[in-house]
Amino acid sequence: MYRISFFSPNFVVTFILLFGGYKMSNKQKGFFYAIAGPFLWGISGSVAQFLFNSQKIPTHWLVGLRLLVAGFLLIVWCWFTLKSEIFEILKRPRYIFQLLCFGLLGMLPAQYTYFMAIKYGNAPTATVLQFLGPLFIILYLSLRQMHMPRRIDVVSIILALLGTYLLVTHGHMNQLALSPLAVLWGVGS
């Protein structure tokens, strides 16, 4: 069984640096966050895969819990950093509507489809498939603005599709190396 120890040397050093009075420059903070963000995101995918496969945790439960905890932590952080400004959003119904749309139509579907891709496939594959998102943005903007994508965009699209093809089929056209549901959820994420 995997255990995460909050008393590991790395955790203790990080905790002391962030909260122990040590003042980091903006460059040091940026460097730390640039490393910590992807590291924690990668761990979350692997932990989700473990929870889905070994503990049989339902996807919707994990996504709901993850979003609720993240929302709570953001509110606490804003409370300490923004003080009274935290309630400014409640004064304008338009902002409340935009925030609800972002949460229900943006974050929730993105998280749910990503974790479903992990459930039916695995964390690394779900992550790679999720990174097809810019491809869809390039195509959408090209269609909406009625112009052809730049040459670098076309090359990027071709390479992304080729890499995804190799990942999904392992080079064999007649079979998928992944479950079709994993591919569908991954591309959807």
N, C-alpha and C. Protein backbone atom coordinates (compact mmCIF):
# COMPACT_ATOMS: atom_id res chain seq x y z
N MET A 1 0.84 -1.18 0.00
CA MET A 1 0.00 0.00 0.00
C MET A 1 0.89 1.24 0.00
N TYR A 2 0.44 2.26 -0.75
CA TYR A 2 1.18 3.50 -0.81
C TYR A 2 0.81 4.40 0.36
N ARG A 3 1.80 5.04 0.93
CA ARG A 3 1.55 6.00 2.00
C ARG A 3 2.28 7.29 1.68
N ILE A 4 1.60 8.37 1.90
CA ILE A 4 2.23 9.67 1.70
C ILE A 4 2.55 10.21 3.08
N SER A 5 3.81 10.45 3.31
CA SER A 5 4.22 10.92 4.63
C SER A 5 4.41 12.43 4.60
N PHE A 6 3.73 13.09 5.51
CA PHE A 6 3.90 14.53 5.63
C PHE A 6 5.15 14.87 6.43
N PHE A 7 5.88 13.86 6.85
CA PHE A 7 7.10 14.10 7.61
C PHE A 7 8.34 13.72 6.80
N SER A 8 8.15 13.55 5.48
CA SER A 8 9.30 13.25 4.64
C SER A 8 10.20 14.49 4.58
N PRO A 9 11.48 14.30 4.37
CA PRO A 9 12.40 15.45 4.34
C PRO A 9 12.02 16.50 3.31
N ASN A 10 11.60 16.08 2.11
CA ASN A 10 11.25 17.04 1.07
C ASN A 10 10.06 17.90 1.47
N PHE A 11 9.04 17.27 2.05
CA PHE A 11 7.86 18.02 2.47
C PHE A 11 8.21 19.02 3.57
N VAL A 12 9.01 18.57 4.53
CA VAL A 12 9.36 19.44 5.66
C VAL A 12 10.17 20.64 5.17
N VAL A 13 11.15 20.41 4.29
CA VAL A 13 11.97 21.52 3.77
C VAL A 13 11.09 22.50 3.01
N THR A 14 10.22 21.99 2.14
CA THR A 14 9.33 22.86 1.38
C THR A 14 8.42 23.66 2.29
N PHE A 15 7.86 23.01 3.29
CA PHE A 15 6.96 23.68 4.23
C PHE A 15 7.69 24.79 4.97
N ILE A 16 8.90 24.50 5.42
CA ILE A 16 9.68 25.51 6.15
C ILE A 16 10.01 26.68 5.24
N LEU A 17 10.39 26.40 3.98
CA LEU A 17 10.73 27.49 3.06
C LEU A 17 9.53 28.38 2.77
N LEU A 18 8.35 27.76 2.59
CA LEU A 18 7.17 28.54 2.23
C LEU A 18 6.54 29.26 3.42
N PHE A 19 6.51 28.59 4.56
CA PHE A 19 5.75 29.13 5.68
C PHE A 19 6.59 29.41 6.92
N GLY A 20 7.88 29.19 6.84
CA GLY A 20 8.72 29.34 8.02
C GLY A 20 9.41 30.67 8.14
N GLY A 21 8.94 31.66 7.42
CA GLY A 21 9.53 32.97 7.56
C GLY A 21 10.61 33.25 6.54
N TYR A 22 11.05 32.27 5.77
CA TYR A 22 12.06 32.50 4.75
C TYR A 22 11.42 33.27 3.60
N LYS A 23 11.98 34.39 3.25
CA LYS A 23 11.43 35.22 2.18
C LYS A 23 12.09 34.84 0.86
N MET A 24 11.26 34.39 -0.06
CA MET A 24 11.76 34.06 -1.38
C MET A 24 11.51 35.23 -2.32
N SER A 25 12.43 35.43 -3.25
CA SER A 25 12.23 36.46 -4.26
C SER A 25 11.14 35.96 -5.22
N ASN A 26 10.62 36.87 -6.02
CA ASN A 26 9.61 36.49 -7.00
C ASN A 26 10.13 35.44 -7.97
N LYS A 27 11.40 35.57 -8.34
CA LYS A 27 12.01 34.61 -9.25
C LYS A 27 12.08 33.22 -8.60
N GLN A 28 12.45 33.17 -7.31
CA GLN A 28 12.51 31.89 -6.61
C GLN A 28 11.12 31.29 -6.47
N LYS A 29 10.14 32.13 -6.15
CA LYS A 29 8.76 31.63 -6.05
C LYS A 29 8.29 31.09 -7.39
N GLY A 30 8.56 31.83 -8.45
CA GLY A 30 8.16 31.39 -9.78
C GLY A 30 8.80 30.06 -10.15
N PHE A 31 10.08 29.92 -9.85
CA PHE A 31 10.80 28.68 -10.11
C PHE A 31 10.19 27.54 -9.30
N PHE A 32 9.92 27.79 -8.03
CA PHE A 32 9.33 26.76 -7.17
C PHE A 32 7.96 26.34 -7.68
N TYR A 33 7.11 27.32 -8.04
CA TYR A 33 5.76 26.99 -8.50
C TYR A 33 5.80 26.30 -9.86
N ALA A 34 6.76 26.68 -10.71
CA ALA A 34 6.87 26.05 -12.02
C ALA A 34 7.26 24.58 -11.89
N ILE A 35 7.97 24.22 -10.85
CA ILE A 35 8.33 22.83 -10.61
C ILE A 35 7.22 22.11 -9.83
N ALA A 36 6.68 22.77 -8.82
CA ALA A 36 5.70 22.14 -7.95
C ALA A 36 4.39 21.86 -8.67
N GLY A 37 3.94 22.77 -9.54
CA GLY A 37 2.65 22.59 -10.22
C GLY A 37 2.58 21.31 -11.05
N PRO A 38 3.47 21.14 -12.03
CA PRO A 38 3.43 19.90 -12.82
C PRO A 38 3.70 18.65 -11.98
N PHE A 39 4.56 18.77 -10.98
CA PHE A 39 4.85 17.64 -10.10
C PHE A 39 3.59 17.19 -9.37
N LEU A 40 2.87 18.14 -8.79
CA LEU A 40 1.65 17.79 -8.07
C LEU A 40 0.55 17.32 -9.01
N TRP A 41 0.49 17.91 -10.21
CA TRP A 41 -0.50 17.48 -11.19
C TRP A 41 -0.23 16.04 -11.62
N GLY A 42 1.05 15.71 -11.85
CA GLY A 42 1.41 14.34 -12.21
C GLY A 42 1.08 13.35 -11.11
N ILE A 43 1.35 13.76 -9.89
CA ILE A 43 1.02 12.89 -8.75
C ILE A 43 -0.48 12.67 -8.66
N SER A 44 -1.26 13.72 -8.91
CA SER A 44 -2.71 13.59 -8.79
C SER A 44 -3.25 12.58 -9.79
N GLY A 45 -2.70 12.56 -11.01
CA GLY A 45 -3.13 11.57 -11.99
C GLY A 45 -2.78 10.15 -11.57
N SER A 46 -1.58 9.97 -11.04
CA SER A 46 -1.17 8.64 -10.59
C SER A 46 -1.98 8.18 -9.38
N VAL A 47 -2.25 9.10 -8.46
CA VAL A 47 -3.06 8.76 -7.28
C VAL A 47 -4.48 8.42 -7.72
N ALA A 48 -5.02 9.18 -8.68
CA ALA A 48 -6.37 8.88 -9.19
C ALA A 48 -6.40 7.49 -9.82
N GLN A 49 -5.38 7.16 -10.59
CA GLN A 49 -5.33 5.84 -11.21
C GLN A 49 -5.30 4.76 -10.14
N PHE A 50 -4.52 4.94 -9.10
CA PHE A 50 -4.47 3.99 -7.99
C PHE A 50 -5.84 3.87 -7.32
N LEU A 51 -6.49 5.00 -7.07
CA LEU A 51 -7.81 4.98 -6.41
C LEU A 51 -8.86 4.30 -7.28
N PHE A 52 -8.82 4.52 -8.59
CA PHE A 52 -9.79 3.90 -9.48
C PHE A 52 -9.56 2.39 -9.59
N ASN A 53 -8.31 1.99 -9.73
CA ASN A 53 -8.00 0.58 -9.96
C ASN A 53 -8.02 -0.26 -8.69
N SER A 54 -7.45 0.24 -7.62
CA SER A 54 -7.30 -0.57 -6.40
C SER A 54 -8.42 -0.36 -5.40
N GLN A 55 -8.86 0.86 -5.25
CA GLN A 55 -9.85 1.17 -4.21
C GLN A 55 -11.27 1.27 -4.76
N LYS A 56 -11.41 1.23 -6.08
CA LYS A 56 -12.72 1.31 -6.75
C LYS A 56 -13.50 2.56 -6.36
N ILE A 57 -12.81 3.68 -6.26
CA ILE A 57 -13.45 4.97 -5.95
C ILE A 57 -14.19 5.43 -7.21
N PRO A 58 -15.45 5.85 -7.08
CA PRO A 58 -16.18 6.36 -8.26
C PRO A 58 -15.59 7.68 -8.77
N THR A 59 -15.55 7.82 -10.07
CA THR A 59 -14.96 9.01 -10.69
C THR A 59 -15.69 10.28 -10.27
N HIS A 60 -17.01 10.25 -10.30
CA HIS A 60 -17.76 11.47 -9.97
C HIS A 60 -17.52 11.89 -8.52
N TRP A 61 -17.30 10.94 -7.64
CA TRP A 61 -17.03 11.28 -6.24
C TRP A 61 -15.67 11.97 -6.11
N LEU A 62 -14.67 11.42 -6.78
CA LEU A 62 -13.33 12.00 -6.71
C LEU A 62 -13.29 13.40 -7.33
N VAL A 63 -13.93 13.56 -8.48
CA VAL A 63 -13.95 14.87 -9.13
C VAL A 63 -14.67 15.88 -8.25
N GLY A 64 -15.81 15.50 -7.70
CA GLY A 64 -16.55 16.41 -6.82
C GLY A 64 -15.73 16.81 -5.60
N LEU A 65 -15.11 15.83 -4.98
CA LEU A 65 -14.29 16.10 -3.80
C LEU A 65 -13.11 17.01 -4.15
N ARG A 66 -12.47 16.70 -5.25
CA ARG A 66 -11.31 17.49 -5.68
C ARG A 66 -11.68 18.95 -5.93
N LEU A 67 -12.79 19.17 -6.62
CA LEU A 67 -13.21 20.53 -6.92
C LEU A 67 -13.68 21.27 -5.67
N LEU A 68 -14.37 20.58 -4.77
CA LEU A 68 -14.80 21.22 -3.52
C LEU A 68 -13.61 21.62 -2.65
N VAL A 69 -12.65 20.72 -2.51
CA VAL A 69 -11.46 21.03 -1.69
C VAL A 69 -10.66 22.16 -2.34
N ALA A 70 -10.50 22.11 -3.66
CA ALA A 70 -9.76 23.18 -4.35
C ALA A 70 -10.48 24.52 -4.18
N GLY A 71 -11.79 24.52 -4.32
CA GLY A 71 -12.56 25.75 -4.12
C GLY A 71 -12.43 26.29 -2.72
N PHE A 72 -12.50 25.40 -1.73
CA PHE A 72 -12.34 25.82 -0.34
C PHE A 72 -10.96 26.42 -0.09
N LEU A 73 -9.92 25.75 -0.61
CA LEU A 73 -8.55 26.26 -0.43
C LEU A 73 -8.36 27.61 -1.12
N LEU A 74 -8.98 27.80 -2.28
CA LEU A 74 -8.89 29.10 -2.96
C LEU A 74 -9.58 30.20 -2.16
N ILE A 75 -10.72 29.87 -1.57
CA ILE A 75 -11.42 30.85 -0.75
C ILE A 75 -10.59 31.22 0.47
N VAL A 76 -9.99 30.22 1.12
CA VAL A 76 -9.14 30.50 2.29
C VAL A 76 -7.95 31.36 1.88
N TRP A 77 -7.31 31.01 0.77
CA TRP A 77 -6.16 31.79 0.30
C TRP A 77 -6.58 33.23 -0.01
N CYS A 78 -7.71 33.38 -0.70
CA CYS A 78 -8.21 34.73 -1.02
C CYS A 78 -8.57 35.50 0.24
N TRP A 79 -9.09 34.81 1.23
CA TRP A 79 -9.45 35.46 2.49
C TRP A 79 -8.23 36.11 3.12
N PHE A 80 -7.10 35.42 3.09
CA PHE A 80 -5.88 35.94 3.71
C PHE A 80 -5.15 36.95 2.83
N THR A 81 -5.30 36.83 1.52
CA THR A 81 -4.54 37.73 0.65
C THR A 81 -5.35 38.93 0.17
N LEU A 82 -6.64 38.75 -0.04
CA LEU A 82 -7.46 39.84 -0.58
C LEU A 82 -8.33 40.53 0.46
N LYS A 83 -8.44 39.96 1.63
CA LYS A 83 -9.24 40.51 2.73
C LYS A 83 -10.68 40.78 2.28
N SER A 84 -11.11 42.03 2.33
CA SER A 84 -12.51 42.36 2.06
C SER A 84 -12.87 42.24 0.58
N GLU A 85 -11.89 42.23 -0.30
CA GLU A 85 -12.16 42.14 -1.73
C GLU A 85 -12.76 40.80 -2.13
N ILE A 86 -12.69 39.82 -1.25
CA ILE A 86 -13.19 38.49 -1.57
C ILE A 86 -14.69 38.51 -1.87
N PHE A 87 -15.42 39.46 -1.31
CA PHE A 87 -16.87 39.51 -1.49
C PHE A 87 -17.29 40.41 -2.64
N GLU A 88 -16.34 41.02 -3.34
CA GLU A 88 -16.67 41.92 -4.45
C GLU A 88 -17.45 41.20 -5.54
N ILE A 89 -17.15 39.93 -5.76
CA ILE A 89 -17.82 39.18 -6.81
C ILE A 89 -19.32 39.04 -6.54
N LEU A 90 -19.70 39.05 -5.27
CA LEU A 90 -21.11 38.90 -4.90
C LEU A 90 -21.93 40.16 -5.18
N LYS A 91 -21.26 41.26 -5.45
CA LYS A 91 -21.95 42.53 -5.69
C LYS A 91 -22.41 42.69 -7.13
N ARG A 92 -21.92 41.83 -8.02
CA ARG A 92 -22.28 41.94 -9.43
C ARG A 92 -22.79 40.60 -9.92
N PRO A 93 -24.08 40.51 -10.22
CA PRO A 93 -24.68 39.25 -10.68
C PRO A 93 -24.00 38.70 -11.94
N ARG A 94 -23.52 39.59 -12.80
CA ARG A 94 -22.85 39.14 -14.02
C ARG A 94 -21.61 38.31 -13.69
N TYR A 95 -20.84 38.76 -12.70
CA TYR A 95 -19.64 38.02 -12.30
C TYR A 95 -19.99 36.67 -11.69
N ILE A 96 -21.05 36.64 -10.91
CA ILE A 96 -21.50 35.37 -10.33
C ILE A 96 -21.88 34.40 -11.44
N PHE A 97 -22.61 34.90 -12.43
CA PHE A 97 -23.01 34.07 -13.56
C PHE A 97 -21.79 33.55 -14.32
N GLN A 98 -20.81 34.42 -14.58
CA GLN A 98 -19.60 34.02 -15.29
C GLN A 98 -18.82 32.97 -14.49
N LEU A 99 -18.74 33.15 -13.19
CA LEU A 99 -18.03 32.19 -12.35
C LEU A 99 -18.74 30.83 -12.35
N LEU A 100 -20.06 30.84 -12.26
CA LEU A 100 -20.82 29.59 -12.31
C LEU A 100 -20.66 28.90 -13.66
N CYS A 101 -20.69 29.66 -14.73
CA CYS A 101 -20.48 29.08 -16.07
C CYS A 101 -19.09 28.47 -16.18
N PHE A 102 -18.09 29.20 -15.70
CA PHE A 102 -16.72 28.67 -15.75
C PHE A 102 -16.61 27.37 -14.95
N GLY A 103 -17.20 27.35 -13.76
CA GLY A 103 -17.12 26.15 -12.93
C GLY A 103 -17.89 24.98 -13.50
N LEU A 104 -19.13 25.23 -13.92
CA LEU A 104 -20.00 24.13 -14.36
C LEU A 104 -19.79 23.73 -15.82
N LEU A 105 -19.39 24.67 -16.67
CA LEU A 105 -19.20 24.36 -18.08
C LEU A 105 -17.74 24.27 -18.48
N GLY A 106 -16.84 24.70 -17.60
CA GLY A 106 -15.41 24.66 -17.90
C GLY A 106 -14.66 23.66 -17.04
N MET A 107 -14.55 23.96 -15.75
CA MET A 107 -13.74 23.12 -14.86
C MET A 107 -14.33 21.72 -14.65
N LEU A 108 -15.62 21.65 -14.38
CA LEU A 108 -16.24 20.35 -14.10
C LEU A 108 -16.10 19.38 -15.28
N PRO A 109 -16.48 19.77 -16.50
CA PRO A 109 -16.30 18.83 -17.62
C PRO A 109 -14.84 18.49 -17.89
N ALA A 110 -13.94 19.46 -17.77
CA ALA A 110 -12.53 19.19 -18.03
C ALA A 110 -11.98 18.18 -17.02
N GLN A 111 -12.30 18.37 -15.75
CA GLN A 111 -11.84 17.45 -14.71
C GLN A 111 -12.48 16.07 -14.88
N TYR A 112 -13.78 16.06 -15.14
CA TYR A 112 -14.49 14.78 -15.24
C TYR A 112 -13.98 13.95 -16.42
N THR A 113 -13.83 14.58 -17.59
CA THR A 113 -13.36 13.82 -18.75
C THR A 113 -11.92 13.34 -18.56
N TYR A 114 -11.09 14.16 -17.93
CA TYR A 114 -9.70 13.76 -17.68
C TYR A 114 -9.66 12.54 -16.75
N PHE A 115 -10.43 12.58 -15.68
CA PHE A 115 -10.41 11.46 -14.75
C PHE A 115 -11.10 10.22 -15.32
N MET A 116 -12.08 10.40 -16.19
CA MET A 116 -12.67 9.24 -16.87
C MET A 116 -11.64 8.60 -17.81
N ALA A 117 -10.83 9.43 -18.47
CA ALA A 117 -9.77 8.90 -19.33
C ALA A 117 -8.76 8.10 -18.51
N ILE A 118 -8.47 8.56 -17.30
CA ILE A 118 -7.57 7.81 -16.41
C ILE A 118 -8.23 6.50 -16.00
N LYS A 119 -9.50 6.55 -15.68
CA LYS A 119 -10.21 5.35 -15.24
C LYS A 119 -10.21 4.26 -16.31
N TYR A 120 -10.47 4.64 -17.55
CA TYR A 120 -10.55 3.66 -18.63
C TYR A 120 -9.21 3.40 -19.32
N GLY A 121 -8.23 4.20 -19.04
CA GLY A 121 -6.90 4.01 -19.61
C GLY A 121 -5.86 4.06 -18.51
N ASN A 122 -5.02 5.08 -18.56
CA ASN A 122 -4.04 5.30 -17.50
C ASN A 122 -3.67 6.78 -17.48
N ALA A 123 -2.99 7.19 -16.43
CA ALA A 123 -2.70 8.61 -16.22
C ALA A 123 -1.81 9.21 -17.33
N PRO A 124 -0.70 8.55 -17.71
CA PRO A 124 0.14 9.18 -18.75
C PRO A 124 -0.59 9.34 -20.08
N THR A 125 -1.36 8.34 -20.48
CA THR A 125 -2.08 8.42 -21.74
C THR A 125 -3.15 9.50 -21.69
N ALA A 126 -3.87 9.58 -20.58
CA ALA A 126 -4.90 10.62 -20.43
C ALA A 126 -4.26 12.00 -20.54
N THR A 127 -3.09 12.17 -19.98
CA THR A 127 -2.41 13.46 -20.03
C THR A 127 -2.02 13.81 -21.46
N VAL A 128 -1.48 12.85 -22.18
CA VAL A 128 -1.09 13.11 -23.57
C VAL A 128 -2.31 13.44 -24.42
N LEU A 129 -3.38 12.68 -24.24
CA LEU A 129 -4.59 12.94 -25.01
C LEU A 129 -5.20 14.30 -24.65
N GLN A 130 -5.08 14.69 -23.40
CA GLN A 130 -5.59 15.98 -22.97
C GLN A 130 -4.86 17.12 -23.68
N PHE A 131 -3.61 16.91 -24.01
CA PHE A 131 -2.84 17.95 -24.65
C PHE A 131 -3.14 18.09 -26.14
N LEU A 132 -4.18 17.42 -26.61
CA LEU A 132 -4.67 17.69 -27.97
C LEU A 132 -5.55 18.93 -27.98
N GLY A 133 -5.85 19.47 -26.82
CA GLY A 133 -6.71 20.65 -26.72
C GLY A 133 -6.28 21.82 -27.61
N PRO A 134 -5.00 22.19 -27.61
CA PRO A 134 -4.58 23.29 -28.47
C PRO A 134 -4.86 23.04 -29.95
N LEU A 135 -4.84 21.79 -30.37
CA LEU A 135 -5.16 21.45 -31.76
C LEU A 135 -6.58 21.90 -32.09
N PHE A 136 -7.52 21.63 -31.19
CA PHE A 136 -8.91 22.02 -31.42
C PHE A 136 -9.07 23.54 -31.39
N ILE A 137 -8.29 24.20 -30.57
CA ILE A 137 -8.33 25.66 -30.50
C ILE A 137 -7.83 26.26 -31.81
N ILE A 138 -6.75 25.73 -32.34
CA ILE A 138 -6.20 26.21 -33.62
C ILE A 138 -7.23 26.03 -34.73
N LEU A 139 -7.84 24.86 -34.78
CA LEU A 139 -8.84 24.60 -35.82
C LEU A 139 -10.06 25.51 -35.67
N TYR A 140 -10.53 25.68 -34.44
CA TYR A 140 -11.68 26.55 -34.19
C TYR A 140 -11.39 27.99 -34.61
N LEU A 141 -10.23 28.50 -34.19
CA LEU A 141 -9.90 29.89 -34.53
C LEU A 141 -9.73 30.07 -36.04
N SER A 142 -9.17 29.08 -36.71
CA SER A 142 -9.01 29.17 -38.16
C SER A 142 -10.36 29.21 -38.86
N LEU A 143 -11.29 28.39 -38.40
CA LEU A 143 -12.63 28.39 -38.99
C LEU A 143 -13.39 29.67 -38.65
N ARG A 144 -13.27 30.11 -37.43
CA ARG A 144 -14.01 31.30 -36.99
C ARG A 144 -13.49 32.57 -37.66
N GLN A 145 -12.18 32.67 -37.80
CA GLN A 145 -11.59 33.87 -38.40
C GLN A 145 -11.42 33.76 -39.91
N MET A 146 -11.84 32.62 -40.46
CA MET A 146 -11.83 32.38 -41.90
C MET A 146 -10.45 32.56 -42.54
N HIS A 147 -9.43 31.97 -41.91
CA HIS A 147 -8.10 31.98 -42.52
C HIS A 147 -7.41 30.65 -42.22
N MET A 148 -6.48 30.34 -43.07
CA MET A 148 -5.74 29.09 -42.91
C MET A 148 -4.78 29.21 -41.72
N PRO A 149 -4.56 28.09 -41.02
CA PRO A 149 -3.58 28.13 -39.92
C PRO A 149 -2.17 28.39 -40.47
N ARG A 150 -1.32 28.93 -39.63
CA ARG A 150 0.06 29.18 -40.03
C ARG A 150 0.76 27.84 -40.29
N ARG A 151 1.86 27.90 -40.99
CA ARG A 151 2.61 26.69 -41.33
C ARG A 151 3.05 25.94 -40.05
N ILE A 152 3.50 26.66 -39.04
CA ILE A 152 3.93 26.04 -37.78
C ILE A 152 2.76 25.35 -37.09
N ASP A 153 1.56 25.94 -37.24
CA ASP A 153 0.36 25.33 -36.65
C ASP A 153 0.00 24.03 -37.37
N VAL A 154 0.12 24.05 -38.70
CA VAL A 154 -0.18 22.85 -39.48
C VAL A 154 0.80 21.73 -39.13
N VAL A 155 2.08 22.07 -39.03
CA VAL A 155 3.09 21.07 -38.65
C VAL A 155 2.79 20.55 -37.24
N SER A 156 2.42 21.43 -36.34
CA SER A 156 2.09 21.01 -34.96
C SER A 156 0.89 20.07 -34.94
N ILE A 157 -0.13 20.39 -35.73
CA ILE A 157 -1.32 19.54 -35.80
C ILE A 157 -0.96 18.16 -36.33
N ILE A 158 -0.19 18.13 -37.40
CA ILE A 158 0.20 16.83 -38.00
C ILE A 158 1.01 16.01 -37.00
N LEU A 159 1.99 16.63 -36.35
CA LEU A 159 2.81 15.90 -35.38
C LEU A 159 1.98 15.43 -34.18
N ALA A 160 1.07 16.27 -33.71
CA ALA A 160 0.22 15.88 -32.58
C ALA A 160 -0.66 14.69 -32.95
N LEU A 161 -1.24 14.73 -34.15
CA LEU A 161 -2.10 13.62 -34.59
C LEU A 161 -1.28 12.35 -34.83
N LEU A 162 -0.10 12.49 -35.39
CA LEU A 162 0.77 11.33 -35.61
C LEU A 162 1.18 10.70 -34.28
N GLY A 163 1.59 11.54 -33.34
CA GLY A 163 1.97 11.04 -32.01
C GLY A 163 0.81 10.37 -31.31
N THR A 164 -0.38 10.95 -31.42
CA THR A 164 -1.57 10.35 -30.80
C THR A 164 -1.91 9.03 -31.47
N TYR A 165 -1.81 8.98 -32.80
CA TYR A 165 -2.04 7.73 -33.53
C TYR A 165 -1.10 6.64 -33.03
N LEU A 166 0.18 6.95 -32.92
CA LEU A 166 1.15 5.96 -32.45
C LEU A 166 0.88 5.55 -31.00
N LEU A 167 0.47 6.49 -30.19
CA LEU A 167 0.16 6.18 -28.80
C LEU A 167 -1.06 5.28 -28.69
N VAL A 168 -2.07 5.56 -29.47
CA VAL A 168 -3.33 4.85 -29.36
C VAL A 168 -3.29 3.49 -30.05
N THR A 169 -2.51 3.35 -31.11
CA THR A 169 -2.50 2.09 -31.86
C THR A 169 -1.20 1.31 -31.73
N HIS A 170 -0.17 1.91 -31.19
CA HIS A 170 1.18 1.32 -31.17
C HIS A 170 1.66 1.00 -32.58
N GLY A 171 1.17 1.75 -33.56
CA GLY A 171 1.60 1.59 -34.94
C GLY A 171 0.83 0.55 -35.72
N HIS A 172 -0.13 -0.11 -35.12
CA HIS A 172 -0.93 -1.13 -35.82
C HIS A 172 -2.30 -0.55 -36.13
N MET A 173 -2.55 -0.36 -37.42
CA MET A 173 -3.78 0.30 -37.85
C MET A 173 -5.05 -0.45 -37.47
N ASN A 174 -4.99 -1.75 -37.36
CA ASN A 174 -6.20 -2.53 -37.17
C ASN A 174 -6.58 -2.76 -35.70
N GLN A 175 -5.84 -2.20 -34.77
CA GLN A 175 -6.20 -2.40 -33.35
C GLN A 175 -5.81 -1.19 -32.51
N LEU A 176 -6.58 -1.01 -31.46
CA LEU A 176 -6.27 0.05 -30.50
C LEU A 176 -5.47 -0.55 -29.35
N ALA A 177 -4.48 0.16 -28.90
CA ALA A 177 -3.71 -0.28 -27.74
C ALA A 177 -4.41 0.11 -26.45
N LEU A 178 -5.43 0.95 -26.57
CA LEU A 178 -6.19 1.42 -25.42
C LEU A 178 -7.66 1.07 -25.63
N SER A 179 -8.40 1.17 -24.56
CA SER A 179 -9.84 1.01 -24.66
C SER A 179 -10.40 2.18 -25.46
N PRO A 180 -11.39 1.93 -26.32
CA PRO A 180 -12.00 3.04 -27.07
C PRO A 180 -12.56 4.13 -26.14
N LEU A 181 -13.07 3.72 -24.97
CA LEU A 181 -13.57 4.70 -24.01
C LEU A 181 -12.45 5.60 -23.49
N ALA A 182 -11.26 5.02 -23.27
CA ALA A 182 -10.13 5.82 -22.81
C ALA A 182 -9.77 6.87 -23.85
N VAL A 183 -9.77 6.48 -25.12
CA VAL A 183 -9.45 7.43 -26.19
C VAL A 183 -10.53 8.51 -26.28
N LEU A 184 -11.79 8.10 -26.23
CA LEU A 184 -12.89 9.06 -26.31
C LEU A 184 -12.86 10.07 -25.17
N TRP A 185 -12.72 9.58 -23.94
CA TRP A 185 -12.67 10.49 -22.79
C TRP A 185 -11.41 11.35 -22.82
N GLY A 186 -10.29 10.78 -23.24
CA GLY A 186 -9.04 11.53 -23.29
C GLY A 186 -9.07 12.66 -24.30
N VAL A 187 -9.61 12.39 -25.49
CA VAL A 187 -9.72 13.45 -26.50
C VAL A 187 -10.75 14.48 -26.04
N GLY A 188 -11.78 14.04 -25.35
CA GLY A 188 -12.79 14.95 -24.83
C GLY A 188 -12.28 15.86 -23.73
N SER A 189 -11.22 15.41 -23.07
CA SER A 189 -10.71 16.23 -21.96
C SER A 189 -9.89 17.38 -22.49
